[in-house]
Amino acid sequence: MAAKRILVLIAHPDDADVHAGGTIARWADEGYDVQLVVATSGDKGHDDPTMSREEVITLRRAEQHAAARCLGVQHVTFLDFEDGELASAGPDWRKR
């Protein structure tokens, strides 16, 4: 029998946890191989002006990986578009 798999595609780090965390955890508990694709890097997802863009990205990735572990997500992929720039990327972003 083929593995039961679910792909969750979100725009920003933490979108899945905030909006569908309970559902994702249930799927993982039911034996689904849940994988997460995050379209943006999370580079604008912090209010501390002393943090560099790279520090914010590192922090947001760490937060997303920690949340994914808590929910039972097997794998997280970041497409690394800049926050706020996904719409201007046009249809080419889907090729990643």
PDB file of N, CA and C in Angstrom:
ATOM      1  N   MET A   1       0.843  -1.186   0.000  1.00  0.00           N
ATOM      2  CA  MET A   1       0.000   0.000   0.000  1.00  0.00           C
ATOM      3  C   MET A   1       0.886   1.246   0.000  1.00  0.00           C
ATOM      4  N   ALA A   2       0.507   2.223  -0.799  1.00  0.00           N
ATOM      5  CA  ALA A   2       1.277   3.472  -0.894  1.00  0.00           C
ATOM      6  C   ALA A   2       1.133   4.277   0.392  1.00  0.00           C
ATOM      7  N   ALA A   3       2.186   5.010   0.716  1.00  0.00           N
ATOM      8  CA  ALA A   3       2.162   5.873   1.897  1.00  0.00           C
ATOM      9  C   ALA A   3       1.127   6.976   1.711  1.00  0.00           C
ATOM     10  N   LYS A   4       0.476   7.326   2.775  1.00  0.00           N
ATOM     11  CA  LYS A   4      -0.473   8.433   2.754  1.00  0.00           C
ATOM     12  C   LYS A   4       0.325   9.716   2.973  1.00  0.00           C
ATOM     13  N   ARG A   5       0.252  10.618   2.005  1.00  0.00           N
ATOM     14  CA  ARG A   5       1.064  11.826   2.085  1.00  0.00           C
ATOM     15  C   ARG A   5       0.206  13.069   1.923  1.00  0.00           C
ATOM     16  N   ILE A   6       0.607  14.119   2.628  1.00  0.00           N
ATOM     17  CA  ILE A   6      -0.057  15.416   2.519  1.00  0.00           C
ATOM     18  C   ILE A   6       1.022  16.481   2.388  1.00  0.00           C
ATOM     19  N   LEU A   7       0.832  17.372   1.424  1.00  0.00           N
ATOM     20  CA  LEU A   7       1.729  18.509   1.244  1.00  0.00           C
ATOM     21  C   LEU A   7       0.976  19.769   1.641  1.00  0.00           C
ATOM     22  N   VAL A   8       1.546  20.520   2.565  1.00  0.00           N
ATOM     23  CA  VAL A   8       0.968  21.786   3.003  1.00  0.00           C
ATOM     24  C   VAL A   8       1.836  22.896   2.425  1.00  0.00           C
ATOM     25  N   LEU A   9       1.240  23.750   1.596  1.00  0.00           N
ATOM     26  CA  LEU A   9       1.953  24.857   0.960  1.00  0.00           C
ATOM     27  C   LEU A   9       1.464  26.155   1.581  1.00  0.00           C
ATOM     28  N   ILE A  10       2.403  26.926   2.150  1.00  0.00           N
ATOM     29  CA  ILE A  10       2.050  28.178   2.814  1.00  0.00           C
ATOM     30  C   ILE A  10       2.941  29.307   2.305  1.00  0.00           C
ATOM     31  N   ALA A  11       2.499  30.535   2.526  1.00  0.00           N
ATOM     32  CA  ALA A  11       3.272  31.690   2.085  1.00  0.00           C
ATOM     33  C   ALA A  11       4.400  32.033   3.046  1.00  0.00           C
ATOM     34  N   HIS A  12       4.115  32.034   4.356  1.00  0.00           N
ATOM     35  CA  HIS A  12       5.072  32.537   5.346  1.00  0.00           C
ATOM     36  C   HIS A  12       5.320  31.521   6.450  1.00  0.00           C
ATOM     37  N   PRO A  13       6.508  31.565   7.054  1.00  0.00           N
ATOM     38  CA  PRO A  13       6.741  30.743   8.229  1.00  0.00           C
ATOM     39  C   PRO A  13       5.655  31.043   9.271  1.00  0.00           C
ATOM     40  N   ASP A  14       5.176  30.061   9.902  1.00  0.00           N
ATOM     41  CA  ASP A  14       4.161  30.016  10.963  1.00  0.00           C
ATOM     42  C   ASP A  14       2.721  30.061  10.469  1.00  0.00           C
ATOM     43  N   ASP A  15       2.481  30.273   9.179  1.00  0.00           N
ATOM     44  CA  ASP A  15       1.103  30.276   8.678  1.00  0.00           C
ATOM     45  C   ASP A  15       0.413  28.938   8.951  1.00  0.00           C
ATOM     46  N   ALA A  16       1.084  27.854   8.695  1.00  0.00           N
ATOM     47  CA  ALA A  16       0.468  26.537   8.887  1.00  0.00           C
ATOM     48  C   ALA A  16       0.170  26.288  10.359  1.00  0.00           C
ATOM     49  N   ASP A  17       1.104  26.633  11.232  1.00  0.00           N
ATOM     50  CA  ASP A  17       0.934  26.381  12.664  1.00  0.00           C
ATOM     51  C   ASP A  17      -0.243  27.180  13.213  1.00  0.00           C
ATOM     52  N   VAL A  18      -0.318  28.447  12.835  1.00  0.00           N
ATOM     53  CA  VAL A  18      -1.346  29.340  13.353  1.00  0.00           C
ATOM     54  C   VAL A  18      -2.721  28.985  12.789  1.00  0.00           C
ATOM     55  N   HIS A  19      -2.792  28.707  11.502  1.00  0.00           N
ATOM     56  CA  HIS A  19      -4.087  28.523  10.849  1.00  0.00           C
ATOM     57  C   HIS A  19      -4.574  27.080  10.800  1.00  0.00           C
ATOM     58  N   ALA A  20      -3.683  26.115  10.849  1.00  0.00           N
ATOM     59  CA  ALA A  20      -4.116  24.728  10.689  1.00  0.00           C
ATOM     60  C   ALA A  20      -3.321  23.750  11.544  1.00  0.00           C
ATOM     61  N   GLY A  21      -2.696  24.234  12.608  1.00  0.00           N
ATOM     62  CA  GLY A  21      -1.841  23.376  13.426  1.00  0.00           C
ATOM     63  C   GLY A  21      -2.545  22.147  13.964  1.00  0.00           C
ATOM     64  N   GLY A  22      -3.762  22.303  14.443  1.00  0.00           N
ATOM     65  CA  GLY A  22      -4.500  21.160  14.983  1.00  0.00           C
ATOM     66  C   GLY A  22      -4.777  20.106  13.929  1.00  0.00           C
ATOM     67  N   THR A  23      -5.156  20.543  12.748  1.00  0.00           N
ATOM     68  CA  THR A  23      -5.426  19.615  11.649  1.00  0.00           C
ATOM     69  C   THR A  23      -4.152  18.901  11.219  1.00  0.00           C
ATOM     70  N   ILE A  24      -3.068  19.645  11.109  1.00  0.00           N
ATOM     71  CA  ILE A  24      -1.794  19.048  10.710  1.00  0.00           C
ATOM     72  C   ILE A  24      -1.346  18.010  11.730  1.00  0.00           C
ATOM     73  N   ALA A  25      -1.464  18.319  13.012  1.00  0.00           N
ATOM     74  CA  ALA A  25      -1.085  17.374  14.066  1.00  0.00           C
ATOM     75  C   ALA A  25      -1.960  16.121  13.995  1.00  0.00           C
ATOM     76  N   ARG A  26      -3.245  16.294  13.721  1.00  0.00           N
ATOM     77  CA  ARG A  26      -4.136  15.141  13.604  1.00  0.00           C
ATOM     78  C   ARG A  26      -3.723  14.257  12.431  1.00  0.00           C
ATOM     79  N   TRP A  27      -3.421  14.881  11.298  1.00  0.00           N
ATOM     80  CA  TRP A  27      -2.979  14.096  10.145  1.00  0.00           C
ATOM     81  C   TRP A  27      -1.739  13.286  10.486  1.00  0.00           C
ATOM     82  N   ALA A  28      -0.776  13.932  11.133  1.00  0.00           N
ATOM     83  CA  ALA A  28       0.461  13.227  11.513  1.00  0.00           C
ATOM     84  C   ALA A  28       0.137  12.082  12.474  1.00  0.00           C
ATOM     85  N   ASP A  29      -0.742  12.321  13.432  1.00  0.00           N
ATOM     86  CA  ASP A  29      -1.141  11.269  14.376  1.00  0.00           C
ATOM     87  C   ASP A  29      -1.836  10.108  13.674  1.00  0.00           C
ATOM     88  N   GLU A  30      -2.524  10.393  12.583  1.00  0.00           N
ATOM     89  CA  GLU A  30      -3.233   9.359  11.822  1.00  0.00           C
ATOM     90  C   GLU A  30      -2.309   8.612  10.873  1.00  0.00           C
ATOM     91  N   GLY A  31      -1.028   8.980  10.853  1.00  0.00           N
ATOM     92  CA  GLY A  31      -0.063   8.245  10.049  1.00  0.00           C
ATOM     93  C   GLY A  31       0.275   8.847   8.704  1.00  0.00           C
ATOM     94  N   TYR A  32      -0.239  10.014   8.418  1.00  0.00           N
ATOM     95  CA  TYR A  32       0.119  10.670   7.161  1.00  0.00           C
ATOM     96  C   TYR A  32       1.550  11.188   7.228  1.00  0.00           C
ATOM     97  N   ASP A  33       2.229  11.132   6.109  1.00  0.00           N
ATOM     98  CA  ASP A  33       3.546  11.752   5.952  1.00  0.00           C
ATOM     99  C   ASP A  33       3.281  13.191   5.544  1.00  0.00           C
ATOM    100  N   VAL A  34       3.314  14.106   6.515  1.00  0.00           N
ATOM    101  CA  VAL A  34       3.004  15.510   6.256  1.00  0.00           C
ATOM    102  C   VAL A  34       4.292  16.257   5.962  1.00  0.00           C
ATOM    103  N   GLN A  35       4.296  16.948   4.822  1.00  0.00           N
ATOM    104  CA  GLN A  35       5.442  17.762   4.454  1.00  0.00           C
ATOM    105  C   GLN A  35       4.976  19.188   4.226  1.00  0.00           C
ATOM    106  N   LEU A  36       5.863  20.130   4.516  1.00  0.00           N
ATOM    107  CA  LEU A  36       5.523  21.547   4.491  1.00  0.00           C
ATOM    108  C   LEU A  36       6.445  22.283   3.524  1.00  0.00           C
ATOM    109  N   VAL A  37       5.851  23.118   2.674  1.00  0.00           N
ATOM    110  CA  VAL A  37       6.612  23.994   1.789  1.00  0.00           C
ATOM    111  C   VAL A  37       6.263  25.428   2.165  1.00  0.00           C
ATOM    112  N   VAL A  38       7.296  26.211   2.486  1.00  0.00           N
ATOM    113  CA  VAL A  38       7.145  27.613   2.874  1.00  0.00           C
ATOM    114  C   VAL A  38       7.690  28.454   1.725  1.00  0.00           C
ATOM    115  N   ALA A  39       6.822  29.254   1.110  1.00  0.00           N
ATOM    116  CA  ALA A  39       7.225  29.993  -0.092  1.00  0.00           C
ATOM    117  C   ALA A  39       8.213  31.119   0.190  1.00  0.00           C
ATOM    118  N   THR A  40       8.072  31.803   1.322  1.00  0.00           N
ATOM    119  CA  THR A  40       8.943  32.949   1.597  1.00  0.00           C
ATOM    120  C   THR A  40       9.936  32.637   2.712  1.00  0.00           C
ATOM    121  N   SER A  41      10.913  33.509   2.846  1.00  0.00           N
ATOM    122  CA  SER A  41      11.989  33.288   3.812  1.00  0.00           C
ATOM    123  C   SER A  41      11.666  33.756   5.221  1.00  0.00           C
ATOM    124  N   GLY A  42      10.633  34.575   5.357  1.00  0.00           N
ATOM    125  CA  GLY A  42      10.326  35.134   6.664  1.00  0.00           C
ATOM    126  C   GLY A  42      11.186  36.329   7.026  1.00  0.00           C
ATOM    127  N   ASP A  43      11.846  36.912   6.038  1.00  0.00           N
ATOM    128  CA  ASP A  43      12.833  37.962   6.299  1.00  0.00           C
ATOM    129  C   ASP A  43      12.246  39.263   6.858  1.00  0.00           C
ATOM    130  N   LYS A  44      10.949  39.449   6.741  1.00  0.00           N
ATOM    131  CA  LYS A  44      10.333  40.657   7.297  1.00  0.00           C
ATOM    132  C   LYS A  44       9.435  40.323   8.478  1.00  0.00           C
ATOM    133  N   GLY A  45       9.577  39.156   9.019  1.00  0.00           N
ATOM    134  CA  GLY A  45       8.693  38.687  10.072  1.00  0.00           C
ATOM    135  C   GLY A  45       9.175  38.951  11.478  1.00  0.00           C
ATOM    136  N   HIS A  46       9.740  40.124  11.723  1.00  0.00           N
ATOM    137  CA  HIS A  46      10.216  40.458  13.062  1.00  0.00           C
ATOM    138  C   HIS A  46      10.234  41.971  13.212  1.00  0.00           C
ATOM    139  N   ASP A  47       9.986  42.445  14.444  1.00  0.00           N
ATOM    140  CA  ASP A  47       9.912  43.888  14.681  1.00  0.00           C
ATOM    141  C   ASP A  47      11.178  44.494  15.277  1.00  0.00           C
ATOM    142  N   ASP A  48      12.200  43.697  15.524  1.00  0.00           N
ATOM    143  CA  ASP A  48      13.424  44.200  16.153  1.00  0.00           C
ATOM    144  C   ASP A  48      14.322  44.845  15.099  1.00  0.00           C
ATOM    145  N   PRO A  49      14.476  46.173  15.111  1.00  0.00           N
ATOM    146  CA  PRO A  49      15.270  46.852  14.083  1.00  0.00           C
ATOM    147  C   PRO A  49      16.771  46.557  14.182  1.00  0.00           C
ATOM    148  N   THR A  50      17.215  45.956  15.286  1.00  0.00           N
ATOM    149  CA  THR A  50      18.636  45.651  15.419  1.00  0.00           C
ATOM    150  C   THR A  50      19.009  44.336  14.740  1.00  0.00           C
ATOM    151  N   MET A  51      18.021  43.547  14.357  1.00  0.00           N
ATOM    152  CA  MET A  51      18.309  42.259  13.711  1.00  0.00           C
ATOM    153  C   MET A  51      18.528  42.445  12.217  1.00  0.00           C
ATOM    154  N   SER A  52      19.548  41.809  11.688  1.00  0.00           N
ATOM    155  CA  SER A  52      19.794  41.851  10.249  1.00  0.00           C
ATOM    156  C   SER A  52      18.791  40.928   9.546  1.00  0.00           C
ATOM    157  N   ARG A  53      18.665  41.108   8.256  1.00  0.00           N
ATOM    158  CA  ARG A  53      17.790  40.255   7.450  1.00  0.00           C
ATOM    159  C   ARG A  53      18.177  38.788   7.627  1.00  0.00           C
ATOM    160  N   GLU A  54      19.475  38.498   7.600  1.00  0.00           N
ATOM    161  CA  GLU A  54      19.960  37.132   7.733  1.00  0.00           C
ATOM    162  C   GLU A  54      19.616  36.544   9.109  1.00  0.00           C
ATOM    163  N   GLU A  55      19.710  37.368  10.157  1.00  0.00           N
ATOM    164  CA  GLU A  55      19.358  36.904  11.503  1.00  0.00           C
ATOM    165  C   GLU A  55      17.867  36.583  11.602  1.00  0.00           C
ATOM    166  N   VAL A  56      17.053  37.414  10.974  1.00  0.00           N
ATOM    167  CA  VAL A  56      15.613  37.166  10.989  1.00  0.00           C
ATOM    168  C   VAL A  56      15.295  35.875  10.251  1.00  0.00           C
ATOM    169  N   ILE A  57      15.909  35.671   9.105  1.00  0.00           N
ATOM    170  CA  ILE A  57      15.675  34.445   8.335  1.00  0.00           C
ATOM    171  C   ILE A  57      16.092  33.231   9.155  1.00  0.00           C
ATOM    172  N   THR A  58      17.236  33.283   9.787  1.00  0.00           N
ATOM    173  CA  THR A  58      17.711  32.166  10.609  1.00  0.00           C
ATOM    174  C   THR A  58      16.740  31.886  11.749  1.00  0.00           C
ATOM    175  N   LEU A  59      16.281  32.940  12.410  1.00  0.00           N
ATOM    176  CA  LEU A  59      15.331  32.783  13.506  1.00  0.00           C
ATOM    177  C   LEU A  59      14.017  32.185  13.018  1.00  0.00           C
ATOM    178  N   ARG A  60      13.474  32.709  11.935  1.00  0.00           N
ATOM    179  CA  ARG A  60      12.184  32.233  11.418  1.00  0.00           C
ATOM    180  C   ARG A  60      12.274  30.779  10.962  1.00  0.00           C
ATOM    181  N   ARG A  61      13.391  30.390  10.355  1.00  0.00           N
ATOM    182  CA  ARG A  61      13.570  28.980   9.969  1.00  0.00           C
ATOM    183  C   ARG A  61      13.603  28.079  11.203  1.00  0.00           C
ATOM    184  N   ALA A  62      14.348  28.501  12.220  1.00  0.00           N
ATOM    185  CA  ALA A  62      14.434  27.704  13.447  1.00  0.00           C
ATOM    186  C   ALA A  62      13.063  27.567  14.095  1.00  0.00           C
ATOM    187  N   GLU A  63      12.319  28.658  14.143  1.00  0.00           N
ATOM    188  CA  GLU A  63      10.966  28.607  14.703  1.00  0.00           C
ATOM    189  C   GLU A  63      10.082  27.656  13.911  1.00  0.00           C
ATOM    190  N   GLN A  64      10.171  27.722  12.572  1.00  0.00           N
ATOM    191  CA  GLN A  64       9.322  26.865  11.747  1.00  0.00           C
ATOM    192  C   GLN A  64       9.688  25.396  11.906  1.00  0.00           C
ATOM    193  N   HIS A  65      10.978  25.106  11.966  1.00  0.00           N
ATOM    194  CA  HIS A  65      11.393  23.715  12.169  1.00  0.00           C
ATOM    195  C   HIS A  65      10.938  23.194  13.529  1.00  0.00           C
ATOM    196  N   ALA A  66      11.020  24.019  14.571  1.00  0.00           N
ATOM    197  CA  ALA A  66      10.574  23.606  15.904  1.00  0.00           C
ATOM    198  C   ALA A  66       9.071  23.345  15.909  1.00  0.00           C
ATOM    199  N   ALA A  67       8.312  24.228  15.291  1.00  0.00           N
ATOM    200  CA  ALA A  67       6.862  24.034  15.223  1.00  0.00           C
ATOM    201  C   ALA A  67       6.519  22.783  14.427  1.00  0.00           C
ATOM    202  N   ALA A  68       7.238  22.563  13.332  1.00  0.00           N
ATOM    203  CA  ALA A  68       6.993  21.371  12.513  1.00  0.00           C
ATOM    204  C   ALA A  68       7.225  20.094  13.313  1.00  0.00           C
ATOM    205  N   ARG A  69       8.286  20.066  14.101  1.00  0.00           N
ATOM    206  CA  ARG A  69       8.550  18.886  14.943  1.00  0.00           C
ATOM    207  C   ARG A  69       7.406  18.647  15.922  1.00  0.00           C
ATOM    208  N   CYS A  70       6.914  19.716  16.525  1.00  0.00           N
ATOM    209  CA  CYS A  70       5.797  19.596  17.480  1.00  0.00           C
ATOM    210  C   CYS A  70       4.545  19.050  16.808  1.00  0.00           C
ATOM    211  N   LEU A  71       4.323  19.416  15.557  1.00  0.00           N
ATOM    212  CA  LEU A  71       3.119  18.989  14.843  1.00  0.00           C
ATOM    213  C   LEU A  71       3.263  17.633  14.177  1.00  0.00           C
ATOM    214  N   GLY A  72       4.488  17.123  14.110  1.00  0.00           N
ATOM    215  CA  GLY A  72       4.708  15.832  13.460  1.00  0.00           C
ATOM    216  C   GLY A  72       5.006  15.919  11.982  1.00  0.00           C
ATOM    217  N   VAL A  73       5.350  17.113  11.498  1.00  0.00           N
ATOM    218  CA  VAL A  73       5.693  17.299  10.086  1.00  0.00           C
ATOM    219  C   VAL A  73       7.040  16.642   9.823  1.00  0.00           C
ATOM    220  N   GLN A  74       7.120  15.865   8.753  1.00  0.00           N
ATOM    221  CA  GLN A  74       8.316  15.100   8.440  1.00  0.00           C
ATOM    222  C   GLN A  74       9.424  15.917   7.779  1.00  0.00           C
ATOM    223  N   HIS A  75       9.035  16.919   6.977  1.00  0.00           N
ATOM    224  CA  HIS A  75      10.047  17.653   6.214  1.00  0.00           C
ATOM    225  C   HIS A  75       9.540  19.064   5.932  1.00  0.00           C
ATOM    226  N   VAL A  76      10.434  20.047   6.011  1.00  0.00           N
ATOM    227  CA  VAL A  76      10.113  21.442   5.697  1.00  0.00           C
ATOM    228  C   VAL A  76      11.043  21.911   4.582  1.00  0.00           C
ATOM    229  N   THR A  77      10.469  22.493   3.542  1.00  0.00           N
ATOM    230  CA  THR A  77      11.229  23.058   2.435  1.00  0.00           C
ATOM    231  C   THR A  77      10.924  24.552   2.356  1.00  0.00           C
ATOM    232  N   PHE A  78      11.950  25.374   2.240  1.00  0.00           N
ATOM    233  CA  PHE A  78      11.795  26.814   2.067  1.00  0.00           C
ATOM    234  C   PHE A  78      12.142  27.171   0.622  1.00  0.00           C
ATOM    235  N   LEU A  79      11.259  27.899  -0.049  1.00  0.00           N
ATOM    236  CA  LEU A  79      11.540  28.357  -1.411  1.00  0.00           C
ATOM    237  C   LEU A  79      12.303  29.680  -1.414  1.00  0.00           C
ATOM    238  N   ASP A  80      12.325  30.371  -0.288  1.00  0.00           N
ATOM    239  CA  ASP A  80      13.165  31.554  -0.057  1.00  0.00           C
ATOM    240  C   ASP A  80      12.850  32.787  -0.890  1.00  0.00           C
ATOM    241  N   PHE A  81      11.592  32.984  -1.258  1.00  0.00           N
ATOM    242  CA  PHE A  81      11.221  34.276  -1.819  1.00  0.00           C
ATOM    243  C   PHE A  81      11.193  35.276  -0.675  1.00  0.00           C
ATOM    244  N   GLU A  82      11.466  36.556  -0.979  1.00  0.00           N
ATOM    245  CA  GLU A  82      11.395  37.590   0.047  1.00  0.00           C
ATOM    246  C   GLU A  82       9.940  37.800   0.448  1.00  0.00           C
ATOM    247  N   ASP A  83       9.717  38.090   1.735  1.00  0.00           N
ATOM    248  CA  ASP A  83       8.368  38.413   2.193  1.00  0.00           C
ATOM    249  C   ASP A  83       7.835  39.586   1.384  1.00  0.00           C
ATOM    250  N   GLY A  84       6.593  39.490   0.962  1.00  0.00           N
ATOM    251  CA  GLY A  84       5.961  40.558   0.204  1.00  0.00           C
ATOM    252  C   GLY A  84       6.275  40.552  -1.274  1.00  0.00           C
ATOM    253  N   GLU A  85       7.104  39.627  -1.742  1.00  0.00           N
ATOM    254  CA  GLU A  85       7.526  39.606  -3.147  1.00  0.00           C
ATOM    255  C   GLU A  85       6.980  38.411  -3.920  1.00  0.00           C
ATOM    256  N   LEU A  86       6.200  37.574  -3.294  1.00  0.00           N
ATOM    257  CA  LEU A  86       5.722  36.362  -3.957  1.00  0.00           C
ATOM    258  C   LEU A  86       4.814  36.685  -5.144  1.00  0.00           C
ATOM    259  N   ALA A  87       3.917  37.631  -4.972  1.00  0.00           N
ATOM    260  CA  ALA A  87       3.010  37.985  -6.069  1.00  0.00           C
ATOM    261  C   ALA A  87       3.772  38.508  -7.280  1.00  0.00           C
ATOM    262  N   SER A  88       4.834  39.282  -7.045  1.00  0.00           N
ATOM    263  CA  SER A  88       5.594  39.834  -8.166  1.00  0.00           C
ATOM    264  C   SER A  88       6.499  38.797  -8.822  1.00  0.00           C
ATOM    265  N   ALA A  89       6.655  37.631  -8.187  1.00  0.00           N
ATOM    266  CA  ALA A  89       7.469  36.568  -8.783  1.00  0.00           C
ATOM    267  C   ALA A  89       6.769  35.933  -9.973  1.00  0.00           C
ATOM    268  N   GLY A  90       5.457  36.168 -10.091  1.00  0.00           N
ATOM    269  CA  GLY A  90       4.691  35.615 -11.203  1.00  0.00           C
ATOM    270  C   GLY A  90       4.627  34.112 -11.160  1.00  0.00           C
ATOM    271  N   PRO A  91       4.233  33.502 -12.252  1.00  0.00           N
ATOM    272  CA  PRO A  91       4.047  32.045 -12.254  1.00  0.00           C
ATOM    273  C   PRO A  91       5.336  31.241 -12.162  1.00  0.00           C
ATOM    274  N   ASP A  92       6.494  31.882 -12.330  1.00  0.00           N
ATOM    275  CA  ASP A  92       7.754  31.163 -12.297  1.00  0.00           C
ATOM    276  C   ASP A  92       8.040  30.538 -10.934  1.00  0.00           C
ATOM    277  N   TRP A  93       7.482  31.095  -9.858  1.00  0.00           N
ATOM    278  CA  TRP A  93       7.767  30.560  -8.516  1.00  0.00           C
ATOM    279  C   TRP A  93       7.283  29.130  -8.390  1.00  0.00           C
ATOM    280  N   ARG A  94       6.288  28.753  -9.141  1.00  0.00           N
ATOM    281  CA  ARG A  94       5.749  27.390  -9.048  1.00  0.00           C
ATOM    282  C   ARG A  94       6.723  26.348  -9.596  1.00  0.00           C
ATOM    283  N   LYS A  95       7.722  26.783 -10.341  1.00  0.00           N
ATOM    284  CA  LYS A  95       8.690  25.861 -10.946  1.00  0.00           C
ATOM    285  C   LYS A  95       9.744  25.411  -9.969  1.00  0.00           C
ATOM    286  N   ARG A  96       9.850  26.055  -8.802  1.00  0.00           N
ATOM    287  CA  ARG A  96      10.881  25.703  -7.825  1.00  0.00           C
ATOM    288  C   ARG A  96      10.601  24.390  -7.240  1.00  0.00           C
TER     289      ARG A  96
END
